[in-house]
Full PDB file with SEQRES, HELIX, SHEET, SSBOND, CRYST1, ORIGX, SCALE, CONECT and MASTER records, all heavy atoms in Angstrom:
SEQRES   1 A   32  GLU VAL LEU SER ALA GLU LEU GLU ASN SER ASN SER GLU          
SEQRES   2 A   32  PHE TYR PHE ALA GLU GLN ASP ASN LYS ILE ILE GLY TYR          
SEQRES   3 A   32  LEU LYS VAL ASN PHE GLY                                      
HELIX    1 AA1 VAL A    2  GLU A    8  1                                   7    
SHEET    1 AA1 2 SER A  12  GLN A  19  0                                        
SHEET    2 AA1 2 LYS A  22  ASN A  30 -1                                        
CRYST1    1.000    1.000    1.000  90.00  90.00  90.00 P 1           1          
ORIGX1      1.000000  0.000000  0.000000        0.00000                         
ORIGX2      0.000000  1.000000  0.000000        0.00000                         
ORIGX3      0.000000  0.000000  1.000000        0.00000                         
SCALE1      1.000000  0.000000  0.000000        0.00000                         
SCALE2      0.000000  1.000000  0.000000        0.00000                         
SCALE3      0.000000  0.000000  1.000000        0.00000                         
ATOM      1  N   GLU A   1     -27.391 -13.564   6.195  1.00  0.00           N  
ATOM      2  CA  GLU A   1     -28.605 -12.929   5.673  1.00  0.00           C  
ATOM      3  C   GLU A   1     -28.772 -11.522   6.231  1.00  0.00           C  
ATOM      4  O   GLU A   1     -29.060 -10.571   5.492  1.00  0.00           O  
ATOM      5  CB  GLU A   1     -29.843 -13.778   6.004  1.00  0.00           C  
ATOM      6  CG  GLU A   1     -29.870 -15.140   5.332  1.00  0.00           C  
ATOM      7  CD  GLU A   1     -28.930 -16.179   5.970  1.00  0.00           C  
ATOM      8  OE1 GLU A   1     -28.550 -16.018   7.147  1.00  0.00           O  
ATOM      9  OE2 GLU A   1     -28.556 -17.130   5.259  1.00  0.00           O  
ATOM     10  N   VAL A   2     -28.612 -11.372   7.544  1.00  0.00           N  
ATOM     11  CA  VAL A   2     -28.768 -10.058   8.178  1.00  0.00           C  
ATOM     12  C   VAL A   2     -27.679  -9.104   7.684  1.00  0.00           C  
ATOM     13  O   VAL A   2     -27.963  -7.956   7.309  1.00  0.00           O  
ATOM     14  CB  VAL A   2     -28.743 -10.180   9.722  1.00  0.00           C  
ATOM     15  CG1 VAL A   2     -28.609  -8.814  10.382  1.00  0.00           C  
ATOM     16  CG2 VAL A   2     -30.002 -10.881  10.208  1.00  0.00           C  
ATOM     17  N   LEU A   3     -26.437  -9.560   7.661  1.00  0.00           N  
ATOM     18  CA  LEU A   3     -25.341  -8.695   7.211  1.00  0.00           C  
ATOM     19  C   LEU A   3     -25.487  -8.325   5.740  1.00  0.00           C  
ATOM     20  O   LEU A   3     -25.200  -7.183   5.359  1.00  0.00           O  
ATOM     21  CB  LEU A   3     -23.994  -9.356   7.490  1.00  0.00           C  
ATOM     22  CG  LEU A   3     -23.632  -9.483   8.975  1.00  0.00           C  
ATOM     23  CD1 LEU A   3     -22.391 -10.345   9.153  1.00  0.00           C  
ATOM     24  CD2 LEU A   3     -23.459  -8.124   9.627  1.00  0.00           C  
ATOM     25  N   SER A   4     -25.959  -9.240   4.915  1.00  0.00           N  
ATOM     26  CA  SER A   4     -26.190  -8.933   3.496  1.00  0.00           C  
ATOM     27  C   SER A   4     -27.239  -7.836   3.353  1.00  0.00           C  
ATOM     28  O   SER A   4     -27.070  -6.890   2.565  1.00  0.00           O  
ATOM     29  CB  SER A   4     -26.645 -10.179   2.727  1.00  0.00           C  
ATOM     30  OG  SER A   4     -25.608 -11.126   2.661  1.00  0.00           O  
ATOM     31  N   ALA A   5     -28.322  -7.947   4.102  1.00  0.00           N  
ATOM     32  CA  ALA A   5     -29.379  -6.926   4.052  1.00  0.00           C  
ATOM     33  C   ALA A   5     -28.835  -5.573   4.503  1.00  0.00           C  
ATOM     34  O   ALA A   5     -29.168  -4.532   3.920  1.00  0.00           O  
ATOM     35  CB  ALA A   5     -30.564  -7.353   4.912  1.00  0.00           C  
ATOM     36  N   GLU A   6     -27.997  -5.575   5.526  1.00  0.00           N  
ATOM     37  CA  GLU A   6     -27.402  -4.319   5.996  1.00  0.00           C  
ATOM     38  C   GLU A   6     -26.480  -3.724   4.938  1.00  0.00           C  
ATOM     39  O   GLU A   6     -26.486  -2.513   4.704  1.00  0.00           O  
ATOM     40  CB  GLU A   6     -26.643  -4.546   7.305  1.00  0.00           C  
ATOM     41  CG  GLU A   6     -27.549  -4.856   8.477  1.00  0.00           C  
ATOM     42  CD  GLU A   6     -26.798  -5.149   9.773  1.00  0.00           C  
ATOM     43  OE1 GLU A   6     -25.548  -5.228   9.760  1.00  0.00           O  
ATOM     44  OE2 GLU A   6     -27.463  -5.299  10.807  1.00  0.00           O  
ATOM     45  N   LEU A   7     -25.686  -4.566   4.282  1.00  0.00           N  
ATOM     46  CA  LEU A   7     -24.798  -4.089   3.217  1.00  0.00           C  
ATOM     47  C   LEU A   7     -25.591  -3.529   2.032  1.00  0.00           C  
ATOM     48  O   LEU A   7     -25.131  -2.604   1.356  1.00  0.00           O  
ATOM     49  CB  LEU A   7     -23.880  -5.218   2.731  1.00  0.00           C  
ATOM     50  CG  LEU A   7     -22.666  -5.515   3.599  1.00  0.00           C  
ATOM     51  CD1 LEU A   7     -22.094  -6.887   3.260  1.00  0.00           C  
ATOM     52  CD2 LEU A   7     -21.607  -4.439   3.425  1.00  0.00           C  
ATOM     53  N   GLU A   8     -26.759  -4.086   1.782  1.00  0.00           N  
ATOM     54  CA  GLU A   8     -27.586  -3.639   0.654  1.00  0.00           C  
ATOM     55  C   GLU A   8     -28.389  -2.381   0.963  1.00  0.00           C  
ATOM     56  O   GLU A   8     -28.912  -1.744   0.057  1.00  0.00           O  
ATOM     57  CB  GLU A   8     -28.537  -4.757   0.223  1.00  0.00           C  
ATOM     58  CG  GLU A   8     -27.818  -5.909  -0.449  1.00  0.00           C  
ATOM     59  CD  GLU A   8     -28.725  -7.075  -0.794  1.00  0.00           C  
ATOM     60  OE1 GLU A   8     -29.631  -7.394   0.000  1.00  0.00           O  
ATOM     61  OE2 GLU A   8     -28.523  -7.642  -1.878  1.00  0.00           O  
ATOM     62  N   ASN A   9     -28.489  -1.999   2.226  1.00  0.00           N  
ATOM     63  CA  ASN A   9     -29.259  -0.821   2.620  1.00  0.00           C  
ATOM     64  C   ASN A   9     -28.482   0.440   2.221  1.00  0.00           C  
ATOM     65  O   ASN A   9     -27.356   0.656   2.679  1.00  0.00           O  
ATOM     66  CB  ASN A   9     -29.519  -0.842   4.125  1.00  0.00           C  
ATOM     67  CG  ASN A   9     -30.426   0.270   4.581  1.00  0.00           C  
ATOM     68  OD1 ASN A   9     -30.461   1.358   4.013  1.00  0.00           O  
ATOM     69  ND2 ASN A   9     -31.175  -0.003   5.639  1.00  0.00           N  
ATOM     70  N   SER A  10     -29.077   1.261   1.392  1.00  0.00           N  
ATOM     71  CA  SER A  10     -28.378   2.457   0.897  1.00  0.00           C  
ATOM     72  C   SER A  10     -28.133   3.496   1.995  1.00  0.00           C  
ATOM     73  O   SER A  10     -27.341   4.418   1.796  1.00  0.00           O  
ATOM     74  CB  SER A  10     -29.161   3.092  -0.257  1.00  0.00           C  
ATOM     75  OG  SER A  10     -30.440   3.489   0.186  1.00  0.00           O  
ATOM     76  N   ASN A  11     -28.774   3.339   3.157  1.00  0.00           N  
ATOM     77  CA  ASN A  11     -28.562   4.265   4.267  1.00  0.00           C  
ATOM     78  C   ASN A  11     -27.603   3.712   5.323  1.00  0.00           C  
ATOM     79  O   ASN A  11     -27.519   4.255   6.427  1.00  0.00           O  
ATOM     80  CB  ASN A  11     -29.896   4.649   4.913  1.00  0.00           C  
ATOM     81  CG  ASN A  11     -30.663   5.647   4.066  1.00  0.00           C  
ATOM     82  OD1 ASN A  11     -30.073   6.483   3.403  1.00  0.00           O  
ATOM     83  ND2 ASN A  11     -31.969   5.538   4.074  1.00  0.00           N  
ATOM     84  N   SER A  12     -26.910   2.630   4.996  1.00  0.00           N  
ATOM     85  CA  SER A  12     -25.877   2.068   5.868  1.00  0.00           C  
ATOM     86  C   SER A  12     -24.595   1.897   5.054  1.00  0.00           C  
ATOM     87  O   SER A  12     -24.653   1.585   3.870  1.00  0.00           O  
ATOM     88  CB  SER A  12     -26.292   0.692   6.415  1.00  0.00           C  
ATOM     89  OG  SER A  12     -27.373   0.803   7.292  1.00  0.00           O  
ATOM     90  N   GLU A  13     -23.474   2.102   5.705  1.00  0.00           N  
ATOM     91  CA  GLU A  13     -22.178   1.899   5.053  1.00  0.00           C  
ATOM     92  C   GLU A  13     -21.235   1.190   6.017  1.00  0.00           C  
ATOM     93  O   GLU A  13     -21.218   1.484   7.211  1.00  0.00           O  
ATOM     94  CB  GLU A  13     -21.561   3.241   4.630  1.00  0.00           C  
ATOM     95  CG  GLU A  13     -22.380   3.973   3.595  1.00  0.00           C  
ATOM     96  CD  GLU A  13     -21.823   5.349   3.223  1.00  0.00           C  
ATOM     97  OE1 GLU A  13     -20.737   5.736   3.741  1.00  0.00           O  
ATOM     98  OE2 GLU A  13     -22.471   6.036   2.425  1.00  0.00           O  
ATOM     99  N   PHE A  14     -20.486   0.245   5.485  1.00  0.00           N  
ATOM    100  CA  PHE A  14     -19.458  -0.478   6.239  1.00  0.00           C  
ATOM    101  C   PHE A  14     -18.089  -0.128   5.659  1.00  0.00           C  
ATOM    102  O   PHE A  14     -17.936  -0.019   4.435  1.00  0.00           O  
ATOM    103  CB  PHE A  14     -19.641  -1.995   6.096  1.00  0.00           C  
ATOM    104  CG  PHE A  14     -20.792  -2.569   6.856  1.00  0.00           C  
ATOM    105  CD1 PHE A  14     -22.067  -2.613   6.300  1.00  0.00           C  
ATOM    106  CD2 PHE A  14     -20.608  -3.103   8.121  1.00  0.00           C  
ATOM    107  CE1 PHE A  14     -23.132  -3.167   6.984  1.00  0.00           C  
ATOM    108  CE2 PHE A  14     -21.670  -3.667   8.820  1.00  0.00           C  
ATOM    109  CZ  PHE A  14     -22.933  -3.691   8.245  1.00  0.00           C  
ATOM    110  N   TYR A  15     -17.104  -0.022   6.538  1.00  0.00           N  
ATOM    111  CA  TYR A  15     -15.729   0.236   6.125  1.00  0.00           C  
ATOM    112  C   TYR A  15     -14.808  -0.728   6.864  1.00  0.00           C  
ATOM    113  O   TYR A  15     -14.949  -0.933   8.069  1.00  0.00           O  
ATOM    114  CB  TYR A  15     -15.325   1.680   6.445  1.00  0.00           C  
ATOM    115  CG  TYR A  15     -16.097   2.672   5.615  1.00  0.00           C  
ATOM    116  CD1 TYR A  15     -17.349   3.117   6.031  1.00  0.00           C  
ATOM    117  CD2 TYR A  15     -15.600   3.121   4.395  1.00  0.00           C  
ATOM    118  CE1 TYR A  15     -18.083   3.997   5.256  1.00  0.00           C  
ATOM    119  CE2 TYR A  15     -16.338   3.998   3.611  1.00  0.00           C  
ATOM    120  CZ  TYR A  15     -17.575   4.430   4.049  1.00  0.00           C  
ATOM    121  OH  TYR A  15     -18.308   5.293   3.269  1.00  0.00           O  
ATOM    122  N   PHE A  16     -13.861  -1.300   6.127  1.00  0.00           N  
ATOM    123  CA  PHE A  16     -12.855  -2.182   6.705  1.00  0.00           C  
ATOM    124  C   PHE A  16     -11.566  -1.391   6.951  1.00  0.00           C  
ATOM    125  O   PHE A  16     -11.149  -0.598   6.101  1.00  0.00           O  
ATOM    126  CB  PHE A  16     -12.509  -3.331   5.763  1.00  0.00           C  
ATOM    127  CG  PHE A  16     -13.553  -4.400   5.635  1.00  0.00           C  
ATOM    128  CD1 PHE A  16     -13.753  -5.035   4.412  1.00  0.00           C  
ATOM    129  CD2 PHE A  16     -14.320  -4.807   6.719  1.00  0.00           C  
ATOM    130  CE1 PHE A  16     -14.701  -6.036   4.283  1.00  0.00           C  
ATOM    131  CE2 PHE A  16     -15.267  -5.809   6.589  1.00  0.00           C  
ATOM    132  CZ  PHE A  16     -15.454  -6.431   5.361  1.00  0.00           C  
ATOM    133  N   ALA A  17     -10.941  -1.653   8.084  1.00  0.00           N  
ATOM    134  CA  ALA A  17      -9.571  -1.207   8.335  1.00  0.00           C  
ATOM    135  C   ALA A  17      -8.684  -2.398   8.013  1.00  0.00           C  
ATOM    136  O   ALA A  17      -8.930  -3.508   8.495  1.00  0.00           O  
ATOM    137  CB  ALA A  17      -9.394  -0.785   9.785  1.00  0.00           C  
ATOM    138  N   GLU A  18      -7.695  -2.180   7.168  1.00  0.00           N  
ATOM    139  CA  GLU A  18      -6.798  -3.260   6.750  1.00  0.00           C  
ATOM    140  C   GLU A  18      -5.348  -2.886   7.008  1.00  0.00           C  
ATOM    141  O   GLU A  18      -4.970  -1.723   6.892  1.00  0.00           O  
ATOM    142  CB  GLU A  18      -6.946  -3.532   5.254  1.00  0.00           C  
ATOM    143  CG  GLU A  18      -8.291  -4.028   4.816  1.00  0.00           C  
ATOM    144  CD  GLU A  18      -8.395  -4.204   3.320  1.00  0.00           C  
ATOM    145  OE1 GLU A  18      -7.919  -3.325   2.564  1.00  0.00           O  
ATOM    146  OE2 GLU A  18      -8.950  -5.222   2.899  1.00  0.00           O  
ATOM    147  N   GLN A  19      -4.596  -3.909   7.347  1.00  0.00           N  
ATOM    148  CA  GLN A  19      -3.150  -3.762   7.450  1.00  0.00           C  
ATOM    149  C   GLN A  19      -2.544  -4.988   6.809  1.00  0.00           C  
ATOM    150  O   GLN A  19      -2.921  -6.120   7.151  1.00  0.00           O  
ATOM    151  CB  GLN A  19      -2.722  -3.635   8.906  1.00  0.00           C  
ATOM    152  CG  GLN A  19      -1.249  -3.354   9.054  1.00  0.00           C  
ATOM    153  CD  GLN A  19      -0.906  -2.996  10.479  1.00  0.00           C  
ATOM    154  OE1 GLN A  19      -1.539  -2.155  11.092  1.00  0.00           O  
ATOM    155  NE2 GLN A  19       0.128  -3.652  10.993  1.00  0.00           N  
ATOM    156  N   ASP A  20      -1.623  -4.788   5.881  1.00  0.00           N  
ATOM    157  CA  ASP A  20      -0.990  -5.894   5.153  1.00  0.00           C  
ATOM    158  C   ASP A  20      -2.038  -6.836   4.558  1.00  0.00           C  
ATOM    159  O   ASP A  20      -1.938  -8.063   4.668  1.00  0.00           O  
ATOM    160  CB  ASP A  20      -0.026  -6.665   6.066  1.00  0.00           C  
ATOM    161  CG  ASP A  20       1.081  -5.781   6.611  1.00  0.00           C  
ATOM    162  OD1 ASP A  20       1.545  -4.890   5.872  1.00  0.00           O  
ATOM    163  OD2 ASP A  20       1.457  -5.962   7.784  1.00  0.00           O  
ATOM    164  N   ASN A  21      -3.076  -6.257   3.945  1.00  0.00           N  
ATOM    165  CA  ASN A  21      -4.169  -6.998   3.296  1.00  0.00           C  
ATOM    166  C   ASN A  21      -4.971  -7.876   4.241  1.00  0.00           C  
ATOM    167  O   ASN A  21      -5.650  -8.794   3.826  1.00  0.00           O  
ATOM    168  CB  ASN A  21      -3.657  -7.825   2.118  1.00  0.00           C  
ATOM    169  CG  ASN A  21      -3.116  -6.950   1.017  1.00  0.00           C  
ATOM    170  OD1 ASN A  21      -3.725  -5.935   0.665  1.00  0.00           O  
ATOM    171  ND2 ASN A  21      -1.967  -7.314   0.475  1.00  0.00           N  
ATOM    172  N   LYS A  22      -4.907  -7.594   5.542  1.00  0.00           N  
ATOM    173  CA  LYS A  22      -5.696  -8.324   6.531  1.00  0.00           C  
ATOM    174  C   LYS A  22      -6.690  -7.349   7.158  1.00  0.00           C  
ATOM    175  O   LYS A  22      -6.320  -6.238   7.548  1.00  0.00           O  
ATOM    176  CB  LYS A  22      -4.779  -8.900   7.615  1.00  0.00           C  
ATOM    177  CG  LYS A  22      -5.518  -9.556   8.777  1.00  0.00           C  
ATOM    178  CD  LYS A  22      -4.533 -10.001   9.856  1.00  0.00           C  
ATOM    179  CE  LYS A  22      -5.190 -10.354  11.153  1.00  0.00           C  
ATOM    180  NZ  LYS A  22      -5.926 -11.549  11.224  1.00  0.00           N  
ATOM    181  N   ILE A  23      -7.948  -7.768   7.248  1.00  0.00           N  
ATOM    182  CA  ILE A  23      -8.969  -6.941   7.886  1.00  0.00           C  
ATOM    183  C   ILE A  23      -8.747  -6.995   9.394  1.00  0.00           C  
ATOM    184  O   ILE A  23      -8.755  -8.071   9.990  1.00  0.00           O  
ATOM    185  CB  ILE A  23     -10.385  -7.423   7.515  1.00  0.00           C  
ATOM    186  CG1 ILE A  23     -10.598  -7.324   6.007  1.00  0.00           C  
ATOM    187  CG2 ILE A  23     -11.443  -6.623   8.268  1.00  0.00           C  
ATOM    188  CD1 ILE A  23     -11.843  -8.032   5.505  1.00  0.00           C  
ATOM    189  N   ILE A  24      -8.543  -5.822   9.998  1.00  0.00           N  
ATOM    190  CA  ILE A  24      -8.234  -5.764  11.425  1.00  0.00           C  
ATOM    191  C   ILE A  24      -9.314  -5.038  12.231  1.00  0.00           C  
ATOM    192  O   ILE A  24      -9.254  -4.995  13.457  1.00  0.00           O  
ATOM    193  CB  ILE A  24      -6.854  -5.122  11.674  1.00  0.00           C  
ATOM    194  CG1 ILE A  24      -6.803  -3.690  11.132  1.00  0.00           C  
ATOM    195  CG2 ILE A  24      -5.750  -5.991  11.065  1.00  0.00           C  
ATOM    196  CD1 ILE A  24      -5.536  -2.929  11.501  1.00  0.00           C  
ATOM    197  N   GLY A  25     -10.286  -4.478  11.543  1.00  0.00           N  
ATOM    198  CA  GLY A  25     -11.369  -3.791  12.223  1.00  0.00           C  
ATOM    199  C   GLY A  25     -12.391  -3.311  11.215  1.00  0.00           C  
ATOM    200  O   GLY A  25     -12.172  -3.410  10.007  1.00  0.00           O  
ATOM    201  N   TYR A  26     -13.522  -2.803  11.732  1.00  0.00           N  
ATOM    202  CA  TYR A  26     -14.527  -2.267  10.816  1.00  0.00           C  
ATOM    203  C   TYR A  26     -15.407  -1.235  11.497  1.00  0.00           C  
ATOM    204  O   TYR A  26     -15.468  -1.138  12.725  1.00  0.00           O  
ATOM    205  CB  TYR A  26     -15.349  -3.386  10.193  1.00  0.00           C  
ATOM    206  CG  TYR A  26     -16.443  -3.972  11.052  1.00  0.00           C  
ATOM    207  CD1 TYR A  26     -17.774  -3.620  10.852  1.00  0.00           C  
ATOM    208  CD2 TYR A  26     -16.159  -4.894  12.059  1.00  0.00           C  
ATOM    209  CE1 TYR A  26     -18.788  -4.167  11.629  1.00  0.00           C  
ATOM    210  CE2 TYR A  26     -17.158  -5.442  12.830  1.00  0.00           C  
ATOM    211  CZ  TYR A  26     -18.478  -5.076  12.606  1.00  0.00           C  
ATOM    212  OH  TYR A  26     -19.477  -5.609  13.380  1.00  0.00           O  
ATOM    213  N   LEU A  27     -16.063  -0.468  10.643  1.00  0.00           N  
ATOM    214  CA  LEU A  27     -16.961   0.606  11.036  1.00  0.00           C  
ATOM    215  C   LEU A  27     -18.281   0.405  10.316  1.00  0.00           C  
ATOM    216  O   LEU A  27     -18.296   0.032   9.138  1.00  0.00           O  
ATOM    217  CB  LEU A  27     -16.345   1.946  10.599  1.00  0.00           C  
ATOM    218  CG  LEU A  27     -17.245   3.174  10.505  1.00  0.00           C  
ATOM    219  CD1 LEU A  27     -17.657   3.650  11.894  1.00  0.00           C  
ATOM    220  CD2 LEU A  27     -16.533   4.295   9.746  1.00  0.00           C  
ATOM    221  N   LYS A  28     -19.396   0.656  11.013  1.00  0.00           N  
ATOM    222  CA  LYS A  28     -20.706   0.704  10.375  1.00  0.00           C  
ATOM    223  C   LYS A  28     -21.373   2.008  10.777  1.00  0.00           C  
ATOM    224  O   LYS A  28     -21.459   2.329  11.967  1.00  0.00           O  
ATOM    225  CB  LYS A  28     -21.606  -0.461  10.789  1.00  0.00           C  
ATOM    226  CG  LYS A  28     -22.967  -0.391  10.090  1.00  0.00           C  
ATOM    227  CD  LYS A  28     -23.939  -1.438  10.569  1.00  0.00           C  
ATOM    228  CE  LYS A  28     -25.241  -1.299   9.773  1.00  0.00           C  
ATOM    229  NZ  LYS A  28     -26.362  -1.929  10.449  1.00  0.00           N  
ATOM    230  N   VAL A  29     -21.827   2.775   9.773  1.00  0.00           N  
ATOM    231  CA  VAL A  29     -22.567   4.010  10.029  1.00  0.00           C  
ATOM    232  C   VAL A  29     -23.940   3.909   9.370  1.00  0.00           C  
ATOM    233  O   VAL A  29     -24.116   3.216   8.361  1.00  0.00           O  
ATOM    234  CB  VAL A  29     -21.813   5.259   9.512  1.00  0.00           C  
ATOM    235  CG1 VAL A  29     -20.522   5.480  10.289  1.00  0.00           C  
ATOM    236  CG2 VAL A  29     -21.541   5.182   8.020  1.00  0.00           C  
ATOM    237  N   ASN A  30     -24.908   4.603   9.965  1.00  0.00           N  
ATOM    238  CA  ASN A  30     -26.288   4.621   9.460  1.00  0.00           C  
ATOM    239  C   ASN A  30     -26.790   6.058   9.400  1.00  0.00           C  
ATOM    240  O   ASN A  30     -26.463   6.871  10.260  1.00  0.00           O  
ATOM    241  CB  ASN A  30     -27.225   3.856  10.409  1.00  0.00           C  
ATOM    242  CG  ASN A  30     -26.839   2.412  10.568  1.00  0.00           C  
ATOM    243  OD1 ASN A  30     -26.558   1.714   9.608  1.00  0.00           O  
ATOM    244  ND2 ASN A  30     -26.818   1.938  11.803  1.00  0.00           N  
ATOM    245  N   PHE A  31     -27.629   6.312   8.407  1.00  0.00           N  
ATOM    246  CA  PHE A  31     -28.316   7.601   8.326  1.00  0.00           C  
ATOM    247  C   PHE A  31     -29.779   7.330   8.006  1.00  0.00           C  
ATOM    248  O   PHE A  31     -30.154   6.205   7.661  1.00  0.00           O  
ATOM    249  CB  PHE A  31     -27.736   8.538   7.262  1.00  0.00           C  
ATOM    250  CG  PHE A  31     -26.556   8.000   6.519  1.00  0.00           C  
ATOM    251  CD1 PHE A  31     -26.700   7.303   5.334  1.00  0.00           C  
ATOM    252  CD2 PHE A  31     -25.281   8.186   7.020  1.00  0.00           C  
ATOM    253  CE1 PHE A  31     -25.606   6.796   4.658  1.00  0.00           C  
ATOM    254  CE2 PHE A  31     -24.188   7.679   6.335  1.00  0.00           C  
ATOM    255  CZ  PHE A  31     -24.347   6.987   5.162  1.00  0.00           C  
ATOM    256  N   GLY A  32     -30.582   8.370   8.100  1.00  0.00           N  
ATOM    257  CA  GLY A  32     -32.000   8.255   7.751  1.00  0.00           C  
ATOM    258  C   GLY A  32     -32.681   7.131   8.504  1.00  0.00           C  
ATOM    259  O   GLY A  32     -32.460   6.926   9.693  1.00  0.00           O  
TER     260      GLY A  32                                                      
MASTER        0    0    0    1    2    0    0    6  259    1    0    3          
END                                                                             
């Protein structure tokens, strides 16, 4: 629920780092 709300927030963005189609890390940035 919390992660869904964060993903839906237009002032937050998540990025996955992938290698061989496997998620190996991630980034979350916020503005405003």
